[in-house]
Each structure stands twice: as C-alpha cells, then as structure tokens.
Amino acid sequence: MTAYTSLVGKSMRKRWRSSDGKKAQIWAQHLVQRKDWLVLDLETTGLDLQAEPVEIGIVDHSGEVIVNVLVRSIRPPDRSAMRVHHIDPTALETAPRFVEVFPNLRRALTHKIVVAYNAQFDRRVLEYSCYLSNLSALESRWECAMTRYEEWRGFRASLLTVSHIEELEVFSHHRAVTDALLVRRLLLKMASTPPMS
C-alpha cells in the first residue's frame, strides 16, 4: 500500500475527478514555463488574525533565493509557533522591522505571480503587517499551491505530509526558505507527473 492510498480513503477517491487533476497539472505546466513567478513562505508569530511574519523566504522560478530574512515582530511569537519553527524572541532582537524589509518585498513581488502553500494565510499576514506599518498592500497575483495540490491528487495535506507522499527531500522543515524551495520542487513535480487516475 502506497502512502497515497493509505492516506486517502475510497470515498475521497470517488469524489476526486481526473479532470480536476489534469487541470491542476496544466496549471503547473503553464506556470513553470514562465519567469514571472516566485514562491513565498512565512514563519509567523502564530495562526491568529493578528499573526505577523518572523521570517520571510522567497525563491524565484529558477530556485534562486531572493529574500531570506528574519523579521522583528511587534509582538513575540507564541509558544506553539516557536515549537514549530524554533525562532524565539532572542533571535529576533537585532532583526529588522517589517517596515525596513518592505522595500525589498515590494521590489521582489510587485506584478509577480506569488505562489504559497496556503496562500490565503500568507497573504493575510502580509496585508496585516502592511496595515500595522501604514504601508500600501503589495500588488501581486496570488496562487495557492495547497489548493492546486488538492485538485491534482484529490486531498489536502500539510506540506510535510505532501513531501513524504511525493518523495521530496526535506532539508529543514518550517524555515521559510527551505519550505519555499520545497514548494517549488512540488510544483515541478506536479508539472511533470500525471495526476492519479
């Protein structure tokens, strides 16, 4: 029994349609042929509506790291978040504030396709941070790799679970740049591998 079949029950597989999987693969194929997309990942103070970034990682279409920065948040990370990403307030004491990082983000992300695993969350965190710092929101087109993966395989899972299912090597989970690189490898696999039939 493969990791795929052990994770996904028969009822889930019946609801999944191969046409959805094919659409997701075509989306990934079109994406990776372009040069105007990036993968963004955030580590944050928590998961609530006031979450702020404590680390931002962005890689471009070729896998080059263009942003890899800790961010000194206004409020410290909560304990549950620190257990996940292991970034404590001491590590952030000398990090720049979001307002200092923002010019680099604007240069990197403006008019680009920004792909994130759970894009709705990452976009909300950045928009909230812009609000806190009295900055205009970034002008980007967002795409959600988690939603596209769900279309491609027929189920939703965490990035770590997906990396095991798809046999993608994990170098260091829950750090922004390594997770962004992991999402990029997932997109390349989605583009080159037919969905489950």
N, C-alpha and C. Protein backbone atom coordinates (compact mmCIF):
# COMPACT_ATOMS: atom_id res chain seq x y z
N MET A 1 0.84 -1.19 0.00
CA MET A 1 0.00 0.00 0.00
C MET A 1 0.88 1.25 0.00
N THR A 2 0.65 2.15 -0.93
CA THR A 2 1.46 3.35 -1.02
C THR A 2 1.00 4.37 0.02
N ALA A 3 1.85 5.40 0.22
CA ALA A 3 1.47 6.48 1.14
C ALA A 3 0.20 7.16 0.63
N TYR A 4 0.08 7.24 -0.69
CA TYR A 4 -1.11 7.89 -1.27
C TYR A 4 -2.38 7.12 -0.90
N THR A 5 -2.39 5.82 -1.13
CA THR A 5 -3.60 5.05 -0.88
C THR A 5 -3.88 4.89 0.61
N SER A 6 -2.84 4.90 1.43
CA SER A 6 -3.09 4.79 2.87
C SER A 6 -3.67 6.08 3.43
N LEU A 7 -3.35 7.21 2.82
CA LEU A 7 -3.85 8.48 3.32
C LEU A 7 -5.25 8.77 2.83
N VAL A 8 -5.55 8.35 1.63
CA VAL A 8 -6.81 8.73 1.01
C VAL A 8 -7.75 7.54 0.98
N GLY A 9 -8.90 7.68 1.61
CA GLY A 9 -9.89 6.60 1.64
C GLY A 9 -10.63 6.47 0.32
N LYS A 10 -11.36 5.38 0.16
CA LYS A 10 -12.10 5.13 -1.08
C LYS A 10 -13.12 6.22 -1.36
N SER A 11 -13.81 6.70 -0.32
CA SER A 11 -14.84 7.71 -0.54
C SER A 11 -14.22 8.99 -1.08
N MET A 12 -13.02 9.35 -0.59
CA MET A 12 -12.35 10.55 -1.08
C MET A 12 -11.97 10.36 -2.54
N ARG A 13 -11.44 9.18 -2.89
CA ARG A 13 -11.02 8.94 -4.26
C ARG A 13 -12.21 8.97 -5.21
N LYS A 14 -13.38 8.55 -4.75
CA LYS A 14 -14.56 8.58 -5.61
C LYS A 14 -14.99 10.00 -5.92
N ARG A 15 -14.82 10.92 -4.96
CA ARG A 15 -15.22 12.31 -5.18
C ARG A 15 -14.24 13.05 -6.08
N TRP A 16 -13.00 12.60 -6.10
CA TRP A 16 -11.98 13.27 -6.90
C TRP A 16 -12.19 12.93 -8.36
N ARG A 17 -12.05 13.92 -9.22
CA ARG A 17 -12.23 13.71 -10.65
C ARG A 17 -10.90 13.90 -11.36
N SER A 18 -10.60 13.02 -12.29
CA SER A 18 -9.33 13.11 -13.01
C SER A 18 -9.25 14.41 -13.80
N SER A 19 -10.40 14.96 -14.19
CA SER A 19 -10.38 16.23 -14.93
C SER A 19 -9.82 17.36 -14.06
N ASP A 20 -10.13 17.33 -12.75
CA ASP A 20 -9.57 18.32 -11.84
C ASP A 20 -8.05 18.16 -11.75
N GLY A 21 -7.61 16.92 -11.64
CA GLY A 21 -6.18 16.65 -11.57
C GLY A 21 -5.45 17.10 -12.82
N LYS A 22 -6.06 16.88 -13.97
CA LYS A 22 -5.43 17.28 -15.22
C LYS A 22 -5.36 18.81 -15.32
N LYS A 23 -6.43 19.48 -14.87
CA LYS A 23 -6.41 20.96 -14.88
C LYS A 23 -5.28 21.49 -14.01
N ALA A 24 -5.10 20.87 -12.85
CA ALA A 24 -4.03 21.31 -11.95
C ALA A 24 -2.66 21.06 -12.57
N GLN A 25 -2.51 19.95 -13.27
CA GLN A 25 -1.23 19.68 -13.93
C GLN A 25 -0.98 20.70 -15.03
N ILE A 26 -1.99 21.01 -15.82
CA ILE A 26 -1.83 22.01 -16.89
C ILE A 26 -1.48 23.37 -16.30
N TRP A 27 -2.13 23.72 -15.18
CA TRP A 27 -1.80 24.97 -14.50
C TRP A 27 -0.32 24.99 -14.12
N ALA A 28 0.17 23.89 -13.53
CA ALA A 28 1.57 23.82 -13.11
C ALA A 28 2.50 23.88 -14.32
N GLN A 29 2.14 23.21 -15.40
CA GLN A 29 2.96 23.25 -16.61
C GLN A 29 3.08 24.66 -17.16
N HIS A 30 1.95 25.37 -17.22
CA HIS A 30 1.98 26.75 -17.71
C HIS A 30 2.80 27.64 -16.79
N LEU A 31 2.65 27.42 -15.49
CA LEU A 31 3.38 28.24 -14.52
C LEU A 31 4.89 28.09 -14.69
N VAL A 32 5.37 26.84 -14.71
CA VAL A 32 6.83 26.64 -14.71
C VAL A 32 7.48 27.06 -16.02
N GLN A 33 6.69 27.27 -17.06
CA GLN A 33 7.25 27.78 -18.33
C GLN A 33 7.46 29.30 -18.28
N ARG A 34 6.88 29.95 -17.28
CA ARG A 34 7.00 31.40 -17.15
C ARG A 34 8.22 31.77 -16.29
N LYS A 35 8.55 33.05 -16.30
CA LYS A 35 9.66 33.53 -15.48
C LYS A 35 9.22 34.60 -14.50
N ASP A 36 7.92 34.86 -14.43
CA ASP A 36 7.43 35.94 -13.57
C ASP A 36 6.75 35.42 -12.31
N TRP A 37 7.17 34.25 -11.83
CA TRP A 37 6.56 33.71 -10.61
C TRP A 37 7.64 33.46 -9.55
N LEU A 38 7.18 33.48 -8.31
CA LEU A 38 8.04 33.28 -7.15
C LEU A 38 7.31 32.39 -6.16
N VAL A 39 8.06 31.78 -5.28
CA VAL A 39 7.45 31.04 -4.18
C VAL A 39 7.81 31.76 -2.89
N LEU A 40 6.80 32.04 -2.08
CA LEU A 40 6.98 32.74 -0.81
C LEU A 40 6.55 31.83 0.34
N ASP A 41 7.31 31.88 1.41
CA ASP A 41 6.91 31.18 2.63
C ASP A 41 7.20 32.07 3.83
N LEU A 42 6.33 32.00 4.81
CA LEU A 42 6.48 32.77 6.04
C LEU A 42 6.51 31.85 7.24
N GLU A 43 7.31 32.22 8.23
CA GLU A 43 7.16 31.71 9.58
C GLU A 43 6.58 32.87 10.38
N THR A 44 5.65 32.59 11.28
CA THR A 44 4.86 33.67 11.87
C THR A 44 4.80 33.59 13.40
N THR A 45 4.23 34.64 13.97
CA THR A 45 4.07 34.69 15.44
C THR A 45 2.99 33.73 15.92
N GLY A 46 2.14 33.28 15.04
CA GLY A 46 1.05 32.37 15.40
C GLY A 46 0.15 32.18 14.20
N LEU A 47 -1.06 31.68 14.46
CA LEU A 47 -2.01 31.40 13.38
C LEU A 47 -3.26 32.26 13.46
N ASP A 48 -3.29 33.21 14.39
CA ASP A 48 -4.50 34.01 14.56
C ASP A 48 -4.54 35.18 13.57
N LEU A 49 -5.58 35.99 13.70
CA LEU A 49 -5.79 37.09 12.75
C LEU A 49 -4.77 38.21 12.92
N GLN A 50 -4.05 38.22 14.03
CA GLN A 50 -3.01 39.23 14.25
C GLN A 50 -1.60 38.66 14.05
N ALA A 51 -1.50 37.56 13.35
CA ALA A 51 -0.19 36.94 13.11
C ALA A 51 0.69 37.87 12.28
N GLU A 52 1.96 37.91 12.65
CA GLU A 52 2.96 38.70 11.92
C GLU A 52 4.09 37.76 11.45
N PRO A 53 4.80 38.15 10.41
CA PRO A 53 5.93 37.31 10.00
C PRO A 53 7.12 37.48 10.93
N VAL A 54 7.80 36.38 11.21
CA VAL A 54 9.09 36.44 11.91
C VAL A 54 10.21 35.99 10.98
N GLU A 55 9.85 35.39 9.86
CA GLU A 55 10.84 35.02 8.84
C GLU A 55 10.14 35.00 7.49
N ILE A 56 10.80 35.55 6.49
CA ILE A 56 10.27 35.60 5.13
C ILE A 56 11.30 34.98 4.20
N GLY A 57 10.84 34.02 3.40
CA GLY A 57 11.69 33.40 2.40
C GLY A 57 11.02 33.47 1.04
N ILE A 58 11.76 33.89 0.03
CA ILE A 58 11.24 33.95 -1.33
C ILE A 58 12.30 33.38 -2.26
N VAL A 59 11.87 32.47 -3.14
CA VAL A 59 12.75 31.95 -4.19
C VAL A 59 12.09 32.23 -5.53
N ASP A 60 12.91 32.46 -6.55
CA ASP A 60 12.34 32.76 -7.87
C ASP A 60 12.09 31.47 -8.65
N HIS A 61 11.66 31.64 -9.90
CA HIS A 61 11.27 30.48 -10.72
C HIS A 61 12.42 29.49 -10.92
N SER A 62 13.66 29.97 -10.86
CA SER A 62 14.81 29.09 -11.08
C SER A 62 15.33 28.46 -9.79
N GLY A 63 14.75 28.85 -8.66
CA GLY A 63 15.20 28.33 -7.37
C GLY A 63 16.21 29.22 -6.68
N GLU A 64 16.50 30.38 -7.26
CA GLU A 64 17.43 31.30 -6.61
C GLU A 64 16.75 31.98 -5.43
N VAL A 65 17.45 32.04 -4.31
CA VAL A 65 16.91 32.69 -3.12
C VAL A 65 17.04 34.20 -3.29
N ILE A 66 15.92 34.92 -3.22
CA ILE A 66 15.98 36.37 -3.39
C ILE A 66 15.63 37.13 -2.10
N VAL A 67 14.95 36.47 -1.17
CA VAL A 67 14.72 37.06 0.16
C VAL A 67 14.85 35.94 1.19
N ASN A 68 15.64 36.18 2.22
CA ASN A 68 15.80 35.24 3.32
C ASN A 68 16.12 36.07 4.56
N VAL A 69 15.08 36.46 5.30
CA VAL A 69 15.29 37.43 6.36
C VAL A 69 14.41 37.14 7.58
N LEU A 70 14.99 37.28 8.76
CA LEU A 70 14.21 37.29 9.98
C LEU A 70 13.58 38.68 10.13
N VAL A 71 12.42 38.74 10.77
CA VAL A 71 11.70 39.99 10.95
C VAL A 71 11.34 40.14 12.43
N ARG A 72 11.68 41.29 13.00
CA ARG A 72 11.34 41.55 14.41
C ARG A 72 9.88 41.99 14.48
N SER A 73 9.05 41.10 14.93
CA SER A 73 7.62 41.37 15.00
C SER A 73 7.31 42.31 16.16
N ILE A 74 6.13 42.93 16.11
CA ILE A 74 5.71 43.83 17.18
C ILE A 74 5.43 43.04 18.46
N ARG A 75 4.76 41.92 18.32
CA ARG A 75 4.54 41.05 19.48
C ARG A 75 5.36 39.78 19.28
N PRO A 76 5.80 39.16 20.35
CA PRO A 76 6.66 37.97 20.22
C PRO A 76 5.86 36.77 19.70
N PRO A 77 6.56 35.80 19.12
CA PRO A 77 5.88 34.57 18.69
C PRO A 77 5.27 33.86 19.89
N ASP A 78 4.11 33.24 19.68
CA ASP A 78 3.54 32.47 20.79
C ASP A 78 4.26 31.13 20.90
N ARG A 79 4.05 30.47 22.02
CA ARG A 79 4.82 29.25 22.31
C ARG A 79 4.57 28.15 21.29
N SER A 80 3.33 28.03 20.85
CA SER A 80 3.03 26.97 19.87
C SER A 80 3.76 27.24 18.56
N ALA A 81 3.86 28.50 18.15
CA ALA A 81 4.59 28.83 16.93
C ALA A 81 6.07 28.55 17.09
N MET A 82 6.64 28.90 18.26
CA MET A 82 8.07 28.66 18.49
C MET A 82 8.40 27.17 18.49
N ARG A 83 7.46 26.35 18.95
CA ARG A 83 7.69 24.90 18.92
C ARG A 83 7.77 24.39 17.49
N VAL A 84 7.10 25.08 16.57
CA VAL A 84 7.11 24.66 15.17
C VAL A 84 8.36 25.16 14.46
N HIS A 85 8.63 26.46 14.52
CA HIS A 85 9.75 26.99 13.72
C HIS A 85 11.03 27.25 14.52
N HIS A 86 10.98 27.16 15.85
CA HIS A 86 12.16 27.30 16.71
C HIS A 86 12.83 28.68 16.58
N ILE A 87 12.03 29.69 16.25
CA ILE A 87 12.54 31.06 16.22
C ILE A 87 12.01 31.76 17.46
N ASP A 88 12.90 32.03 18.41
CA ASP A 88 12.44 32.66 19.65
C ASP A 88 12.73 34.16 19.63
N PRO A 89 12.15 34.91 20.55
CA PRO A 89 12.33 36.37 20.54
C PRO A 89 13.79 36.83 20.58
N THR A 90 14.65 36.05 21.24
CA THR A 90 16.07 36.43 21.30
C THR A 90 16.69 36.49 19.91
N ALA A 91 16.31 35.55 19.06
CA ALA A 91 16.84 35.53 17.69
C ALA A 91 16.36 36.72 16.87
N LEU A 92 15.28 37.35 17.31
CA LEU A 92 14.70 38.46 16.55
C LEU A 92 15.14 39.83 17.05
N GLU A 93 15.88 39.88 18.15
CA GLU A 93 16.20 41.17 18.77
C GLU A 93 16.92 42.13 17.85
N THR A 94 17.79 41.63 16.99
CA THR A 94 18.55 42.50 16.09
C THR A 94 18.01 42.46 14.66
N ALA A 95 16.91 41.75 14.44
CA ALA A 95 16.33 41.64 13.09
C ALA A 95 15.63 42.95 12.71
N PRO A 96 15.52 43.24 11.42
CA PRO A 96 14.81 44.45 11.00
C PRO A 96 13.31 44.33 11.24
N ARG A 97 12.65 45.46 11.40
CA ARG A 97 11.20 45.51 11.46
C ARG A 97 10.63 45.30 10.06
N PHE A 98 9.34 44.98 10.00
CA PHE A 98 8.69 44.75 8.71
C PHE A 98 8.82 45.96 7.79
N VAL A 99 8.68 47.15 8.34
CA VAL A 99 8.75 48.36 7.52
C VAL A 99 10.12 48.49 6.84
N GLU A 100 11.17 47.98 7.47
CA GLU A 100 12.51 48.01 6.87
C GLU A 100 12.68 46.97 5.77
N VAL A 101 11.97 45.86 5.89
CA VAL A 101 12.05 44.78 4.91
C VAL A 101 11.15 45.06 3.71
N PHE A 102 10.14 45.86 3.92
CA PHE A 102 9.10 46.06 2.91
C PHE A 102 9.62 46.53 1.55
N PRO A 103 10.57 47.46 1.46
CA PRO A 103 11.04 47.86 0.12
C PRO A 103 11.57 46.69 -0.71
N ASN A 104 12.30 45.77 -0.07
CA ASN A 104 12.77 44.57 -0.80
C ASN A 104 11.61 43.69 -1.23
N LEU A 105 10.60 43.55 -0.37
CA LEU A 105 9.43 42.75 -0.73
C LEU A 105 8.70 43.38 -1.90
N ARG A 106 8.54 44.69 -1.86
CA ARG A 106 7.83 45.36 -2.95
C ARG A 106 8.58 45.17 -4.27
N ARG A 107 9.91 45.31 -4.25
CA ARG A 107 10.69 45.11 -5.47
C ARG A 107 10.55 43.67 -5.99
N ALA A 108 10.55 42.71 -5.07
CA ALA A 108 10.50 41.30 -5.46
C ALA A 108 9.14 40.86 -5.95
N LEU A 109 8.07 41.37 -5.32
CA LEU A 109 6.74 40.78 -5.52
C LEU A 109 5.79 41.58 -6.42
N THR A 110 6.07 42.84 -6.63
CA THR A 110 5.14 43.67 -7.41
C THR A 110 4.99 43.12 -8.83
N HIS A 111 3.73 42.94 -9.22
CA HIS A 111 3.35 42.45 -10.56
C HIS A 111 3.90 41.05 -10.86
N LYS A 112 4.11 40.27 -9.81
CA LYS A 112 4.57 38.88 -9.99
C LYS A 112 3.45 37.92 -9.56
N ILE A 113 3.57 36.69 -10.02
CA ILE A 113 2.72 35.61 -9.53
C ILE A 113 3.40 35.06 -8.28
N VAL A 114 2.73 35.17 -7.15
CA VAL A 114 3.28 34.72 -5.88
C VAL A 114 2.58 33.42 -5.50
N VAL A 115 3.34 32.34 -5.44
CA VAL A 115 2.79 31.04 -5.07
C VAL A 115 3.18 30.76 -3.62
N ALA A 116 2.22 30.32 -2.84
CA ALA A 116 2.48 29.96 -1.45
C ALA A 116 1.65 28.72 -1.12
N TYR A 117 2.14 27.95 -0.16
CA TYR A 117 1.38 26.80 0.32
C TYR A 117 0.48 27.30 1.44
N ASN A 118 -0.80 27.43 1.14
CA ASN A 118 -1.79 28.12 1.96
C ASN A 118 -1.64 29.63 1.76
N ALA A 119 -1.83 30.03 0.51
CA ALA A 119 -1.64 31.42 0.11
C ALA A 119 -2.57 32.36 0.85
N GLN A 120 -3.77 31.93 1.17
CA GLN A 120 -4.72 32.80 1.86
C GLN A 120 -4.13 33.28 3.19
N PHE A 121 -3.49 32.37 3.92
CA PHE A 121 -2.90 32.73 5.21
C PHE A 121 -1.72 33.68 5.02
N ASP A 122 -0.78 33.33 4.14
CA ASP A 122 0.41 34.16 3.97
C ASP A 122 0.05 35.55 3.45
N ARG A 123 -0.91 35.61 2.55
CA ARG A 123 -1.34 36.92 2.04
C ARG A 123 -1.95 37.76 3.16
N ARG A 124 -2.79 37.13 3.98
CA ARG A 124 -3.40 37.86 5.08
C ARG A 124 -2.36 38.38 6.07
N VAL A 125 -1.34 37.58 6.36
CA VAL A 125 -0.29 38.01 7.28
C VAL A 125 0.44 39.23 6.72
N LEU A 126 0.78 39.19 5.44
CA LEU A 126 1.48 40.32 4.84
C LEU A 126 0.59 41.56 4.80
N GLU A 127 -0.68 41.38 4.46
CA GLU A 127 -1.59 42.52 4.41
C GLU A 127 -1.78 43.13 5.81
N TYR A 128 -1.86 42.29 6.83
CA TYR A 128 -1.97 42.80 8.19
C TYR A 128 -0.71 43.56 8.60
N SER A 129 0.45 43.04 8.21
CA SER A 129 1.71 43.71 8.52
C SER A 129 1.80 45.06 7.81
N CYS A 130 1.32 45.12 6.58
CA CYS A 130 1.27 46.40 5.86
C CYS A 130 0.35 47.38 6.59
N TYR A 131 -0.78 46.88 7.04
CA TYR A 131 -1.72 47.71 7.80
C TYR A 131 -1.08 48.26 9.07
N LEU A 132 -0.39 47.40 9.83
CA LEU A 132 0.24 47.82 11.07
C LEU A 132 1.30 48.89 10.83
N SER A 133 1.97 48.80 9.68
CA SER A 133 3.06 49.73 9.38
C SER A 133 2.61 50.89 8.49
N ASN A 134 1.30 50.99 8.23
CA ASN A 134 0.75 52.06 7.40
C ASN A 134 1.37 52.06 6.00
N LEU A 135 1.46 50.86 5.42
CA LEU A 135 2.02 50.68 4.09
C LEU A 135 0.93 50.20 3.14
N SER A 136 1.06 50.54 1.88
CA SER A 136 0.09 50.05 0.89
C SER A 136 0.33 48.57 0.64
N ALA A 137 -0.74 47.85 0.34
CA ALA A 137 -0.64 46.41 0.10
C ALA A 137 0.18 46.14 -1.16
N LEU A 138 0.82 44.98 -1.18
CA LEU A 138 1.62 44.58 -2.34
C LEU A 138 0.71 44.25 -3.53
N GLU A 139 1.13 44.65 -4.70
CA GLU A 139 0.34 44.39 -5.91
C GLU A 139 0.89 43.13 -6.59
N SER A 140 0.32 42.02 -6.23
CA SER A 140 0.76 40.72 -6.74
C SER A 140 -0.45 39.86 -7.05
N ARG A 141 -0.25 38.86 -7.87
CA ARG A 141 -1.29 37.85 -8.13
C ARG A 141 -0.90 36.62 -7.33
N TRP A 142 -1.80 36.17 -6.48
CA TRP A 142 -1.51 35.05 -5.59
C TRP A 142 -2.09 33.75 -6.14
N GLU A 143 -1.33 32.68 -5.96
CA GLU A 143 -1.78 31.33 -6.30
C GLU A 143 -1.48 30.43 -5.11
N CYS A 144 -2.40 29.50 -4.84
CA CYS A 144 -2.24 28.62 -3.69
C CYS A 144 -1.80 27.23 -4.12
N ALA A 145 -0.59 26.85 -3.76
CA ALA A 145 -0.07 25.52 -4.10
C ALA A 145 -0.84 24.43 -3.37
N MET A 146 -1.33 24.70 -2.17
CA MET A 146 -2.09 23.70 -1.42
C MET A 146 -3.41 23.37 -2.13
N THR A 147 -4.10 24.40 -2.60
CA THR A 147 -5.35 24.18 -3.34
C THR A 147 -5.10 23.43 -4.63
N ARG A 148 -4.04 23.82 -5.35
CA ARG A 148 -3.72 23.14 -6.62
C ARG A 148 -3.30 21.69 -6.37
N TYR A 149 -2.58 21.46 -5.28
CA TYR A 149 -2.22 20.08 -4.95
C TYR A 149 -3.47 19.26 -4.66
N GLU A 150 -4.41 19.83 -3.95
CA GLU A 150 -5.66 19.13 -3.65
C GLU A 150 -6.39 18.77 -4.94
N GLU A 151 -6.40 19.66 -5.91
CA GLU A 151 -7.01 19.35 -7.20
C GLU A 151 -6.24 18.24 -7.91
N TRP A 152 -4.92 18.26 -7.81
CA TRP A 152 -4.07 17.32 -8.53
C TRP A 152 -4.16 15.91 -7.96
N ARG A 153 -4.16 15.80 -6.63
CA ARG A 153 -4.16 14.48 -6.00
C ARG A 153 -5.51 14.07 -5.40
N GLY A 154 -6.38 15.05 -5.14
CA GLY A 154 -7.69 14.71 -4.60
C GLY A 154 -7.83 14.82 -3.11
N PHE A 155 -6.82 15.32 -2.42
CA PHE A 155 -6.91 15.50 -0.98
C PHE A 155 -5.99 16.65 -0.56
N ARG A 156 -6.28 17.18 0.60
CA ARG A 156 -5.48 18.27 1.17
C ARG A 156 -4.61 17.71 2.28
N ALA A 157 -3.38 18.17 2.37
CA ALA A 157 -2.46 17.71 3.41
C ALA A 157 -1.45 18.80 3.70
N SER A 158 -0.78 18.67 4.85
CA SER A 158 0.27 19.63 5.20
C SER A 158 1.43 19.48 4.23
N LEU A 159 2.26 20.52 4.17
CA LEU A 159 3.41 20.46 3.27
C LEU A 159 4.35 19.32 3.64
N LEU A 160 4.54 19.07 4.93
CA LEU A 160 5.42 17.98 5.35
C LEU A 160 4.86 16.63 4.92
N THR A 161 3.55 16.43 5.10
CA THR A 161 2.92 15.18 4.66
C THR A 161 3.05 15.01 3.15
N VAL A 162 2.80 16.08 2.42
CA VAL A 162 2.90 16.04 0.95
C VAL A 162 4.33 15.69 0.53
N SER A 163 5.32 16.26 1.22
CA SER A 163 6.71 15.97 0.84
C SER A 163 7.02 14.49 1.01
N HIS A 164 6.45 13.84 2.03
CA HIS A 164 6.67 12.40 2.21
C HIS A 164 5.94 11.60 1.13
N ILE A 165 4.70 11.98 0.85
CA ILE A 165 3.93 11.27 -0.17
C ILE A 165 4.61 11.36 -1.53
N GLU A 166 5.08 12.55 -1.86
CA GLU A 166 5.67 12.77 -3.19
C GLU A 166 7.16 12.48 -3.23
N GLU A 167 7.70 12.01 -2.10
CA GLU A 167 9.12 11.64 -2.01
C GLU A 167 10.03 12.80 -2.38
N LEU A 168 9.70 13.97 -1.79
CA LEU A 168 10.53 15.16 -1.96
C LEU A 168 11.42 15.30 -0.73
N GLU A 169 12.70 15.45 -0.94
CA GLU A 169 13.63 15.52 0.18
C GLU A 169 13.39 16.79 1.00
N VAL A 170 13.32 16.63 2.30
CA VAL A 170 13.12 17.75 3.21
C VAL A 170 14.43 18.04 3.91
N PHE A 171 15.00 19.22 3.69
CA PHE A 171 16.29 19.56 4.28
C PHE A 171 16.11 20.15 5.68
N SER A 172 15.13 21.00 5.86
CA SER A 172 14.87 21.61 7.16
C SER A 172 13.46 22.16 7.12
N HIS A 173 12.53 21.49 7.78
CA HIS A 173 11.13 21.90 7.68
C HIS A 173 10.83 23.05 8.63
N HIS A 174 9.89 23.88 8.21
CA HIS A 174 9.44 25.05 8.97
C HIS A 174 10.52 26.09 9.15
N ARG A 175 11.31 26.29 8.10
CA ARG A 175 12.08 27.51 7.93
C ARG A 175 11.69 28.04 6.55
N ALA A 176 11.61 29.34 6.44
CA ALA A 176 10.94 29.95 5.29
C ALA A 176 11.56 29.58 3.95
N VAL A 177 12.86 29.73 3.80
CA VAL A 177 13.49 29.46 2.50
C VAL A 177 13.43 27.98 2.14
N THR A 178 13.71 27.11 3.10
CA THR A 178 13.70 25.68 2.76
C THR A 178 12.28 25.22 2.40
N ASP A 179 11.28 25.78 3.06
CA ASP A 179 9.89 25.43 2.69
C ASP A 179 9.53 26.00 1.32
N ALA A 180 10.00 27.22 1.02
CA ALA A 180 9.74 27.79 -0.31
C ALA A 180 10.39 26.93 -1.40
N LEU A 181 11.60 26.48 -1.16
CA LEU A 181 12.27 25.59 -2.14
C LEU A 181 11.52 24.27 -2.27
N LEU A 182 10.99 23.77 -1.16
CA LEU A 182 10.21 22.54 -1.19
C LEU A 182 8.95 22.71 -2.03
N VAL A 183 8.27 23.83 -1.88
CA VAL A 183 7.07 24.10 -2.68
C VAL A 183 7.44 24.18 -4.16
N ARG A 184 8.55 24.82 -4.47
CA ARG A 184 8.99 24.89 -5.88
C ARG A 184 9.21 23.50 -6.45
N ARG A 185 9.85 22.61 -5.69
CA ARG A 185 10.06 21.24 -6.18
C ARG A 185 8.74 20.51 -6.37
N LEU A 186 7.78 20.79 -5.48
CA LEU A 186 6.46 20.20 -5.63
C LEU A 186 5.79 20.67 -6.93
N LEU A 187 5.90 21.95 -7.23
CA LEU A 187 5.30 22.49 -8.46
C LEU A 187 5.93 21.84 -9.69
N LEU A 188 7.24 21.65 -9.67
CA LEU A 188 7.91 20.99 -10.80
C LEU A 188 7.42 19.55 -10.95
N LYS A 189 7.21 18.88 -9.83
CA LYS A 189 6.70 17.50 -9.91
C LYS A 189 5.27 17.48 -10.44
N MET A 190 4.44 18.42 -9.99
CA MET A 190 3.08 18.48 -10.49
C MET A 190 3.05 18.72 -12.00
N ALA A 191 3.98 19.53 -12.49
CA ALA A 191 4.03 19.83 -13.92
C ALA A 191 4.46 18.63 -14.74
N SER A 192 5.29 17.76 -14.16
CA SER A 192 5.87 16.67 -14.94
C SER A 192 5.22 15.30 -14.70
N THR A 193 4.31 15.22 -13.74
CA THR A 193 3.72 13.93 -13.36
C THR A 193 2.22 13.96 -13.55
N PRO A 194 1.66 13.01 -14.32
CA PRO A 194 0.19 12.97 -14.47
C PRO A 194 -0.49 12.74 -13.13
N PRO A 195 -1.69 13.28 -12.94
CA PRO A 195 -2.43 13.03 -11.70
C PRO A 195 -2.83 11.56 -11.60
N MET A 196 -3.18 11.14 -10.40
CA MET A 196 -3.66 9.77 -10.20
C MET A 196 -4.93 9.57 -11.01
N SER A 197 -5.07 8.40 -11.59
CA SER A 197 -6.28 8.12 -12.38
C SER A 197 -7.30 7.40 -11.50
